[in-house]
C-alpha atoms as a PDB file:
ATOM      1  CA  MET A   1      98.867 -67.783   3.324  1.00  0.00           C
ATOM      2  CA  ARG A   2      96.872 -68.125   6.548  1.00  0.00           C
ATOM      3  CA  PHE A   3      93.505 -69.836   6.420  1.00  0.00           C
ATOM      4  CA  LEU A   4      90.791 -68.817   8.847  1.00  0.00           C
ATOM      5  CA  SER A   5      89.760 -71.470  11.307  1.00  0.00           C
ATOM      6  CA  ASN A   6      86.158 -72.106  12.186  1.00  0.00           C
ATOM      7  CA  THR A   7      86.791 -70.223  15.441  1.00  0.00           C
ATOM      8  CA  ASP A   8      88.100 -67.197  13.552  1.00  0.00           C
ATOM      9  CA  THR A   9      85.122 -67.277  11.222  1.00  0.00           C
ATOM     10  CA  GLN A  10      82.676 -67.497  14.107  1.00  0.00           C
ATOM     11  CA  ARG A  11      84.417 -64.642  15.912  1.00  0.00           C
ATOM     12  CA  ASN A  12      84.207 -62.435  12.816  1.00  0.00           C
ATOM     13  CA  GLU A  13      80.544 -63.270  12.351  1.00  0.00           C
ATOM     14  CA  ILE A  14      79.818 -62.391  15.979  1.00  0.00           C
ATOM     15  CA  CYS A  15      81.720 -59.102  15.746  1.00  0.00           C
ATOM     16  CA  ASN A  16      79.904 -58.148  12.549  1.00  0.00           C
ATOM     17  CA  ALA A  17      76.555 -59.023  14.090  1.00  0.00           C
ATOM     18  CA  MET A  18      77.128 -56.959  17.241  1.00  0.00           C
ATOM     19  CA  LYS A  19      77.330 -53.571  15.441  1.00  0.00           C
ATOM     20  CA  PRO A  20      78.387 -51.628  18.557  1.00  0.00           C
ATOM     21  CA  PHE A  21      77.648 -48.226  17.004  1.00  0.00           C
ATOM     22  CA  ASP A  22      75.449 -46.636  14.366  1.00  0.00           C
ATOM     23  CA  PRO A  23      77.677 -45.399  11.518  1.00  0.00           C
ATOM     24  CA  ARG A  24      74.951 -43.378   9.832  1.00  0.00           C
ATOM     25  CA  PRO A  25      75.578 -39.593   9.692  1.00  0.00           C
ATOM     26  CA  LEU A  26      73.730 -37.438  12.190  1.00  0.00           C
ATOM     27  CA  VAL A  27      70.725 -35.502  10.911  1.00  0.00           C
ATOM     28  CA  ARG A  28      69.142 -32.405  12.421  1.00  0.00           C
ATOM     29  CA  HIS A  29      66.248 -30.239  11.302  1.00  0.00           C
ATOM     30  CA  SER A  30      66.750 -26.595  12.257  1.00  0.00           C
ATOM     31  CA  LYS A  31      63.932 -24.249  13.280  1.00  0.00           C
ATOM     32  CA  PRO A  32      64.211 -21.214  10.988  1.00  0.00           C
ATOM     33  CA  ASP A  33      61.154 -19.537  12.535  1.00  0.00           C
ATOM     34  CA  ILE A  34      62.554 -19.486  16.092  1.00  0.00           C
ATOM     35  CA  ALA A  35      62.790 -16.053  17.747  1.00  0.00           C
ATOM     36  CA  ILE A  36      66.277 -14.601  17.287  1.00  0.00           C
ATOM     37  CA  ASP A  37      66.229 -11.291  19.162  1.00  0.00           C
ATOM     38  CA  SER A  38      65.276 -12.615  22.576  1.00  0.00           C
ATOM     39  CA  HIS A  39      66.820 -11.624  25.900  1.00  0.00           C
ATOM     40  CA  LEU A  40      65.769 -12.447  29.446  1.00  0.00           C
ATOM     41  CA  PRO A  41      66.981  -9.680  31.789  1.00  0.00           C
ATOM     42  CA  PRO A  42      68.721 -10.985  34.929  1.00  0.00           C
ATOM     43  CA  ALA A  43      66.419 -10.771  37.945  1.00  0.00           C
ATOM     44  CA  THR A  44      68.025 -12.655  40.831  1.00  0.00           C
ATOM     45  CA  ALA A  45      71.550 -12.576  42.244  1.00  0.00           C
ATOM     46  CA  SER A  46      72.183 -15.908  40.525  1.00  0.00           C
ATOM     47  CA  ASP A  47      71.077 -14.448  37.190  1.00  0.00           C
ATOM     48  CA  LYS A  48      73.295 -11.404  37.617  1.00  0.00           C
ATOM     49  CA  ILE A  49      76.346 -13.537  38.410  1.00  0.00           C
ATOM     50  CA  ALA A  50      75.698 -15.714  35.355  1.00  0.00           C
ATOM     51  CA  PHE A  51      75.163 -12.668  33.138  1.00  0.00           C
ATOM     52  CA  ALA A  52      78.320 -10.922  34.364  1.00  0.00           C
ATOM     53  CA  PHE A  53      80.391 -14.078  33.874  1.00  0.00           C
ATOM     54  CA  VAL A  54      79.206 -14.505  30.295  1.00  0.00           C
ATOM     55  CA  LYS A  55      79.845 -10.838  29.518  1.00  0.00           C
ATOM     56  CA  LEU A  56      83.390 -11.265  30.843  1.00  0.00           C
ATOM     57  CA  LEU A  57      83.924 -14.201  28.495  1.00  0.00           C
ATOM     58  CA  ARG A  58      82.495 -12.105  25.668  1.00  0.00           C
ATOM     59  CA  PHE A  59      84.950  -9.295  26.412  1.00  0.00           C
ATOM     60  CA  PHE A  60      87.975 -11.581  26.077  1.00  0.00           C
ATOM     61  CA  ALA A  61      86.576 -13.307  22.977  1.00  0.00           C
ATOM     62  CA  ASP A  62      86.026  -9.934  21.268  1.00  0.00           C
ATOM     63  CA  ARG A  63      89.556  -8.799  22.075  1.00  0.00           C
ATOM     64  CA  PHE A  64      91.197 -12.032  20.954  1.00  0.00           C
ATOM     65  CA  PHE A  65      89.209 -12.912  17.827  1.00  0.00           C
ATOM     66  CA  ALA A  66      87.859  -9.501  16.737  1.00  0.00           C
ATOM     67  CA  LYS A  67      85.937 -10.252  13.496  1.00  0.00           C
ATOM     68  CA  ARG A  68      87.526 -13.634  12.768  1.00  0.00           C
ATOM     69  CA  TYR A  69      84.152 -15.258  13.332  1.00  0.00           C
ATOM     70  CA  GLY A  70      85.029 -18.645  11.898  1.00  0.00           C
ATOM     71  CA  HIS A  71      87.996 -19.025  14.255  1.00  0.00           C
ATOM     72  CA  ARG A  72      85.922 -17.691  17.155  1.00  0.00           C
ATOM     73  CA  ALA A  73      83.315 -20.351  16.426  1.00  0.00           C
ATOM     74  CA  VAL A  74      85.898 -23.149  16.476  1.00  0.00           C
ATOM     75  CA  VAL A  75      87.152 -22.245  19.960  1.00  0.00           C
ATOM     76  CA  LEU A  76      83.825 -21.237  21.510  1.00  0.00           C
ATOM     77  CA  GLU A  77      81.890 -24.222  20.167  1.00  0.00           C
ATOM     78  CA  THR A  78      84.424 -26.372  22.025  1.00  0.00           C
ATOM     79  CA  VAL A  79      83.306 -24.630  25.212  1.00  0.00           C
ATOM     80  CA  ALA A  80      79.630 -24.731  24.251  1.00  0.00           C
ATOM     81  CA  ALA A  81      79.736 -28.516  23.827  1.00  0.00           C
ATOM     82  CA  VAL A  82      80.732 -29.052  27.466  1.00  0.00           C
ATOM     83  CA  PRO A  83      77.633 -27.991  29.490  1.00  0.00           C
ATOM     84  CA  GLY A  84      75.199 -30.392  27.826  1.00  0.00           C
ATOM     85  CA  MET A  85      77.451 -33.374  28.492  1.00  0.00           C
ATOM     86  CA  VAL A  86      78.119 -32.331  32.095  1.00  0.00           C
ATOM     87  CA  GLY A  87      74.452 -31.593  32.751  1.00  0.00           C
ATOM     88  CA  GLY A  88      73.390 -34.882  31.166  1.00  0.00           C
ATOM     89  CA  LEU A  89      75.857 -36.742  33.379  1.00  0.00           C
ATOM     90  CA  TRP A  90      74.611 -35.123  36.574  1.00  0.00           C
ATOM     91  CA  GLN A  91      70.962 -35.619  35.610  1.00  0.00           C
ATOM     92  CA  HIS A  92      71.691 -39.274  34.862  1.00  0.00           C
ATOM     93  CA  LEU A  93      73.369 -39.803  38.237  1.00  0.00           C
ATOM     94  CA  THR A  94      70.586 -37.933  40.024  1.00  0.00           C
ATOM     95  CA  ALA A  95      67.865 -40.015  38.344  1.00  0.00           C
ATOM     96  CA  LEU A  96      69.678 -43.193  39.385  1.00  0.00           C
ATOM     97  CA  ARG A  97      70.266 -41.997  42.928  1.00  0.00           C
ATOM     98  CA  LYS A  98      66.671 -40.857  43.452  1.00  0.00           C
ATOM     99  CA  MET A  99      65.251 -43.782  41.449  1.00  0.00           C
ATOM    100  CA  ARG A 100      62.919 -41.654  39.362  1.00  0.00           C
ATOM    101  CA  ASP A 101      62.422 -40.570  35.765  1.00  0.00           C
ATOM    102  CA  ASP A 102      64.461 -37.648  34.413  1.00  0.00           C
ATOM    103  CA  ASP A 103      61.495 -36.093  32.544  1.00  0.00           C
ATOM    104  CA  GLY A 104      63.496 -35.927  29.321  1.00  0.00           C
ATOM    105  CA  TRP A 105      66.317 -33.779  30.684  1.00  0.00           C
ATOM    106  CA  ILE A 106      69.117 -36.275  29.921  1.00  0.00           C
ATOM    107  CA  ARG A 107      68.434 -36.752  26.216  1.00  0.00           C
ATOM    108  CA  THR A 108      67.783 -33.020  25.777  1.00  0.00           C
ATOM    109  CA  LEU A 109      71.129 -32.109  27.332  1.00  0.00           C
ATOM    110  CA  LEU A 110      73.043 -34.801  25.469  1.00  0.00           C
ATOM    111  CA  ASP A 111      71.426 -33.690  22.222  1.00  0.00           C
ATOM    112  CA  GLU A 112      72.623 -30.161  22.974  1.00  0.00           C
ATOM    113  CA  ALA A 113      76.186 -31.415  23.523  1.00  0.00           C
ATOM    114  CA  GLU A 114      76.113 -33.430  20.300  1.00  0.00           C
ATOM    115  CA  ASN A 115      74.695 -30.497  18.359  1.00  0.00           C
ATOM    116  CA  GLU A 116      77.428 -28.163  19.601  1.00  0.00           C
ATOM    117  CA  ARG A 117      80.033 -30.762  18.638  1.00  0.00           C
ATOM    118  CA  MET A 118      78.640 -30.804  15.113  1.00  0.00           C
ATOM    119  CA  HIS A 119      78.930 -27.020  15.040  1.00  0.00           C
ATOM    120  CA  LEU A 120      82.589 -27.467  15.896  1.00  0.00           C
ATOM    121  CA  MET A 121      83.155 -30.105  13.211  1.00  0.00           C
ATOM    122  CA  THR A 122      81.500 -27.823  10.665  1.00  0.00           C
ATOM    123  CA  PHE A 123      83.583 -24.757  11.474  1.00  0.00           C
ATOM    124  CA  ILE A 124      86.787 -26.755  11.543  1.00  0.00           C
ATOM    125  CA  GLU A 125      86.113 -27.365   7.839  1.00  0.00           C
ATOM    126  CA  ILE A 126      85.397 -23.669   7.268  1.00  0.00           C
ATOM    127  CA  ALA A 127      88.065 -21.932   9.363  1.00  0.00           C
ATOM    128  CA  GLN A 128      90.920 -24.459   9.355  1.00  0.00           C
ATOM    129  CA  PRO A 129      92.264 -23.607  12.846  1.00  0.00           C
ATOM    130  CA  ASN A 130      96.010 -23.247  13.261  1.00  0.00           C
ATOM    131  CA  TRP A 131      98.114 -25.119  15.788  1.00  0.00           C
ATOM    132  CA  PHE A 132      97.951 -22.316  18.362  1.00  0.00           C
ATOM    133  CA  GLU A 133      94.156 -22.372  18.280  1.00  0.00           C
ATOM    134  CA  ARG A 134      94.188 -26.150  18.626  1.00  0.00           C
ATOM    135  CA  TYR A 135      96.349 -25.878  21.757  1.00  0.00           C
ATOM    136  CA  LEU A 136      94.082 -23.095  23.007  1.00  0.00           C
ATOM    137  CA  ILE A 137      91.093 -25.411  22.592  1.00  0.00           C
ATOM    138  CA  VAL A 138      92.749 -28.039  24.791  1.00  0.00           C
ATOM    139  CA  ALA A 139      93.554 -25.494  27.503  1.00  0.00           C
ATOM    140  CA  VAL A 140      90.124 -23.854  27.443  1.00  0.00           C
ATOM    141  CA  GLN A 141      88.326 -27.184  27.543  1.00  0.00           C
ATOM    142  CA  LEU A 142      90.425 -28.383  30.479  1.00  0.00           C
ATOM    143  CA  VAL A 143      89.648 -25.290  32.535  1.00  0.00           C
ATOM    144  CA  PHE A 144      86.000 -24.874  31.564  1.00  0.00           C
ATOM    145  CA  TYR A 145      85.040 -28.527  31.989  1.00  0.00           C
ATOM    146  CA  ASN A 146      86.245 -28.600  35.597  1.00  0.00           C
ATOM    147  CA  PHE A 147      84.690 -25.209  36.334  1.00  0.00           C
ATOM    148  CA  TYR A 148      81.307 -26.167  34.904  1.00  0.00           C
ATOM    149  CA  PHE A 149      81.355 -29.630  36.499  1.00  0.00           C
ATOM    150  CA  PHE A 150      81.518 -28.160  40.001  1.00  0.00           C
ATOM    151  CA  LEU A 151      79.209 -25.272  39.132  1.00  0.00           C
ATOM    152  CA  TYR A 152      76.508 -27.746  38.094  1.00  0.00           C
ATOM    153  CA  LEU A 153      77.108 -29.802  41.223  1.00  0.00           C
ATOM    154  CA  LEU A 154      76.818 -26.823  43.567  1.00  0.00           C
ATOM    155  CA  ALA A 155      74.472 -24.456  41.689  1.00  0.00           C
ATOM    156  CA  PRO A 156      72.630 -26.074  38.763  1.00  0.00           C
ATOM    157  CA  ARG A 157      70.292 -23.107  38.416  1.00  0.00           C
ATOM    158  CA  THR A 158      73.203 -20.747  37.860  1.00  0.00           C
ATOM    159  CA  ALA A 159      74.822 -23.280  35.536  1.00  0.00           C
ATOM    160  CA  HIS A 160      71.795 -23.388  33.240  1.00  0.00           C
ATOM    161  CA  ARG A 161      71.491 -19.603  33.302  1.00  0.00           C
ATOM    162  CA  VAL A 162      75.155 -19.318  32.299  1.00  0.00           C
ATOM    163  CA  VAL A 163      74.466 -21.523  29.283  1.00  0.00           C
ATOM    164  CA  ALA A 164      71.330 -19.564  28.371  1.00  0.00           C
ATOM    165  CA  TYR A 165      73.213 -16.255  28.423  1.00  0.00           C
ATOM    166  CA  PHE A 166      76.142 -17.850  26.613  1.00  0.00           C
ATOM    167  CA  GLU A 167      73.726 -18.901  23.862  1.00  0.00           C
ATOM    168  CA  GLU A 168      72.274 -15.398  23.723  1.00  0.00           C
ATOM    169  CA  GLU A 169      75.775 -14.120  22.989  1.00  0.00           C
ATOM    170  CA  ALA A 170      76.271 -16.885  20.424  1.00  0.00           C
ATOM    171  CA  VAL A 171      73.107 -15.809  18.588  1.00  0.00           C
ATOM    172  CA  TYR A 172      74.392 -12.232  18.557  1.00  0.00           C
ATOM    173  CA  SER A 173      77.829 -13.334  17.269  1.00  0.00           C
ATOM    174  CA  TYR A 174      76.346 -15.393  14.453  1.00  0.00           C
ATOM    175  CA  THR A 175      74.100 -12.466  13.521  1.00  0.00           C
ATOM    176  CA  GLN A 176      77.235 -10.327  13.222  1.00  0.00           C
ATOM    177  CA  TYR A 177      78.937 -13.080  11.204  1.00  0.00           C
ATOM    178  CA  LEU A 178      75.921 -13.163   8.878  1.00  0.00           C
ATOM    179  CA  ALA A 179      76.099  -9.392   8.398  1.00  0.00           C
ATOM    180  CA  GLU A 180      79.793  -9.671   7.464  1.00  0.00           C
ATOM    181  CA  VAL A 181      78.990 -12.323   4.867  1.00  0.00           C
ATOM    182  CA  ASP A 182      76.083 -10.303   3.450  1.00  0.00           C
ATOM    183  CA  ALA A 183      78.328  -7.239   3.220  1.00  0.00           C
ATOM    184  CA  GLY A 184      80.926  -9.205   1.272  1.00  0.00           C
ATOM    185  CA  ARG A 185      83.622  -8.884   3.936  1.00  0.00           C
ATOM    186  CA  HIS A 186      83.633 -12.671   4.380  1.00  0.00           C
ATOM    187  CA  ASP A 187      83.468 -14.988   1.386  1.00  0.00           C
ATOM    188  CA  ASN A 188      80.189 -16.856   1.100  1.00  0.00           C
ATOM    189  CA  ILE A 189      81.985 -20.127   0.430  1.00  0.00           C
ATOM    190  CA  PRO A 190      80.231 -23.428  -0.349  1.00  0.00           C
ATOM    191  CA  ALA A 191      78.930 -25.215   2.732  1.00  0.00           C
ATOM    192  CA  PRO A 192      81.043 -28.187   3.833  1.00  0.00           C
ATOM    193  CA  GLN A 193      79.532 -31.588   3.122  1.00  0.00           C
ATOM    194  CA  ILE A 194      79.249 -32.395   6.827  1.00  0.00           C
ATOM    195  CA  ALA A 195      76.904 -29.394   7.235  1.00  0.00           C
ATOM    196  CA  ILE A 196      74.843 -30.303   4.174  1.00  0.00           C
ATOM    197  CA  ASP A 197      74.363 -33.838   5.503  1.00  0.00           C
ATOM    198  CA  TYR A 198      73.640 -32.782   9.092  1.00  0.00           C
ATOM    199  CA  TRP A 199      71.118 -30.000   8.474  1.00  0.00           C
ATOM    200  CA  GLN A 200      69.782 -31.528   5.248  1.00  0.00           C
ATOM    201  CA  LEU A 201      70.754 -28.405   3.327  1.00  0.00           C
ATOM    202  CA  PRO A 202      70.536 -28.128  -0.485  1.00  0.00           C
ATOM    203  CA  ALA A 203      73.539 -29.453  -2.380  1.00  0.00           C
ATOM    204  CA  ASN A 204      74.415 -25.897  -3.439  1.00  0.00           C
ATOM    205  CA  ALA A 205      74.191 -24.471   0.123  1.00  0.00           C
ATOM    206  CA  ARG A 206      76.639 -21.745   1.082  1.00  0.00           C
ATOM    207  CA  LEU A 207      78.209 -20.450   4.289  1.00  0.00           C
ATOM    208  CA  ARG A 208      75.220 -18.159   4.802  1.00  0.00           C
ATOM    209  CA  ASP A 209      72.887 -21.161   4.996  1.00  0.00           C
ATOM    210  CA  VAL A 210      75.163 -22.798   7.563  1.00  0.00           C
ATOM    211  CA  ILE A 211      75.229 -19.687   9.749  1.00  0.00           C
ATOM    212  CA  LEU A 212      71.427 -19.476   9.688  1.00  0.00           C
ATOM    213  CA  ALA A 213      71.139 -23.127  10.753  1.00  0.00           C
ATOM    214  CA  VAL A 214      73.718 -22.779  13.528  1.00  0.00           C
ATOM    215  CA  ARG A 215      72.127 -19.566  14.814  1.00  0.00           C
ATOM    216  CA  ALA A 216      68.732 -21.281  15.000  1.00  0.00           C
ATOM    217  CA  ASP A 217      70.292 -24.113  17.011  1.00  0.00           C
ATOM    218  CA  GLU A 218      71.848 -21.646  19.452  1.00  0.00           C
ATOM    219  CA  ALA A 219      68.539 -19.848  19.877  1.00  0.00           C
ATOM    220  CA  GLU A 220      66.883 -23.167  20.681  1.00  0.00           C
ATOM    221  CA  HIS A 221      69.525 -23.986  23.313  1.00  0.00           C
ATOM    222  CA  ARG A 222      69.040 -20.508  24.784  1.00  0.00           C
ATOM    223  CA  ASP A 223      65.317 -21.055  25.231  1.00  0.00           C
ATOM    224  CA  VAL A 224      65.736 -24.593  26.581  1.00  0.00           C
ATOM    225  CA  ASN A 225      68.198 -23.532  29.266  1.00  0.00           C
ATOM    226  CA  HIS A 226      66.086 -20.550  30.329  1.00  0.00           C
ATOM    227  CA  PHE A 227      63.189 -23.019  30.611  1.00  0.00           C
ATOM    228  CA  PHE A 228      65.323 -25.367  32.730  1.00  0.00           C
ATOM    229  CA  VAL A 229      65.951 -22.493  35.161  1.00  0.00           C
ATOM    230  CA  SER A 230      62.211 -21.843  35.413  1.00  0.00           C
ATOM    231  CA  GLU A 231      61.626 -25.540  35.983  1.00  0.00           C
ATOM    232  CA  LEU A 232      64.207 -25.630  38.773  1.00  0.00           C
ATOM    233  CA  ASP A 233      62.562 -22.609  40.398  1.00  0.00           C
ATOM    234  CA  SER A 234      59.179 -24.346  40.171  1.00  0.00           C
ATOM    235  CA  ARG A 235      60.509 -27.539  41.723  1.00  0.00           C
ATOM    236  CA  LYS A 236      62.220 -25.620  44.517  1.00  0.00           C
ATOM    237  CA  ALA A 237      58.941 -23.824  45.270  1.00  0.00           C
ATOM    238  CA  HIS A 238      57.198 -27.170  45.633  1.00  0.00           C
ATOM    239  CA  ARG A 239      60.116 -28.911  47.403  1.00  0.00           C
ATOM    240  CA  PRO A 240      61.905 -26.144  49.352  1.00  0.00           C
ATOM    241  CA  LEU A 241      63.885 -28.583  51.501  1.00  0.00           C
ATOM    242  CA  GLU A 242      65.790 -29.775  48.416  1.00  0.00           C
ATOM    243  CA  GLY A 243      67.308 -26.318  47.955  1.00  0.00           C
ATOM    244  CA  GLN A 244      69.633 -25.939  44.971  1.00  0.00           C
ATOM    245  CA  THR A 245      70.244 -29.662  44.516  1.00  0.00           C
ATOM    246  CA  ALA A 246      70.036 -30.725  40.877  1.00  0.00           C
ATOM    247  CA  PRO A 247      66.624 -32.299  40.075  1.00  0.00           C
END
């Protein structure tokens, strides 16, 4: 039997006191009254490029997943969780470099990334992705992260518009998913515990309640990213010499 020395005891006490992370479960309050059927028509060349790119992604997603909405959510939420983290990183670096406040952009973008990750964790419980889909997630994340990283560096306005249109498509997909559940073509299974804890849903919540909460989140991200584009346009109008540089 090994007895702890005073040094070991002190080390354990220090480690316990440090508490390097908060183990409490995440909590989010959805906005059920947020506008669902909202679309901002592309106006500029940047908007049209972003819109066309998102529609291309939608085309491939529809062909690959068809009406397997749970599996679609698992793969696409992996993609959706990337932009907020990338944008938060660039905003953080920009705020440091320019020695000014970020006006709340960093925490908003990181919250978006964390929220999309929780969507992923929820639908993993619901859809139970197979090994092929897990490998697909790795490949898609590798490609999309690098693409979006340089897109945000070179054209942050387009990057935010891509996310906004991506979220518009997500709202539409979850509306379709909801219709399938209501029609009885998808089982309205009990909500996973992680979803009940995160969105503070009733203990007897079902898949339908989860879809409504996720759809509201996506609609919020849609509006936030469209607003970010407007904010970038406003800043460029006041500081034209800065061009497309991230704020």
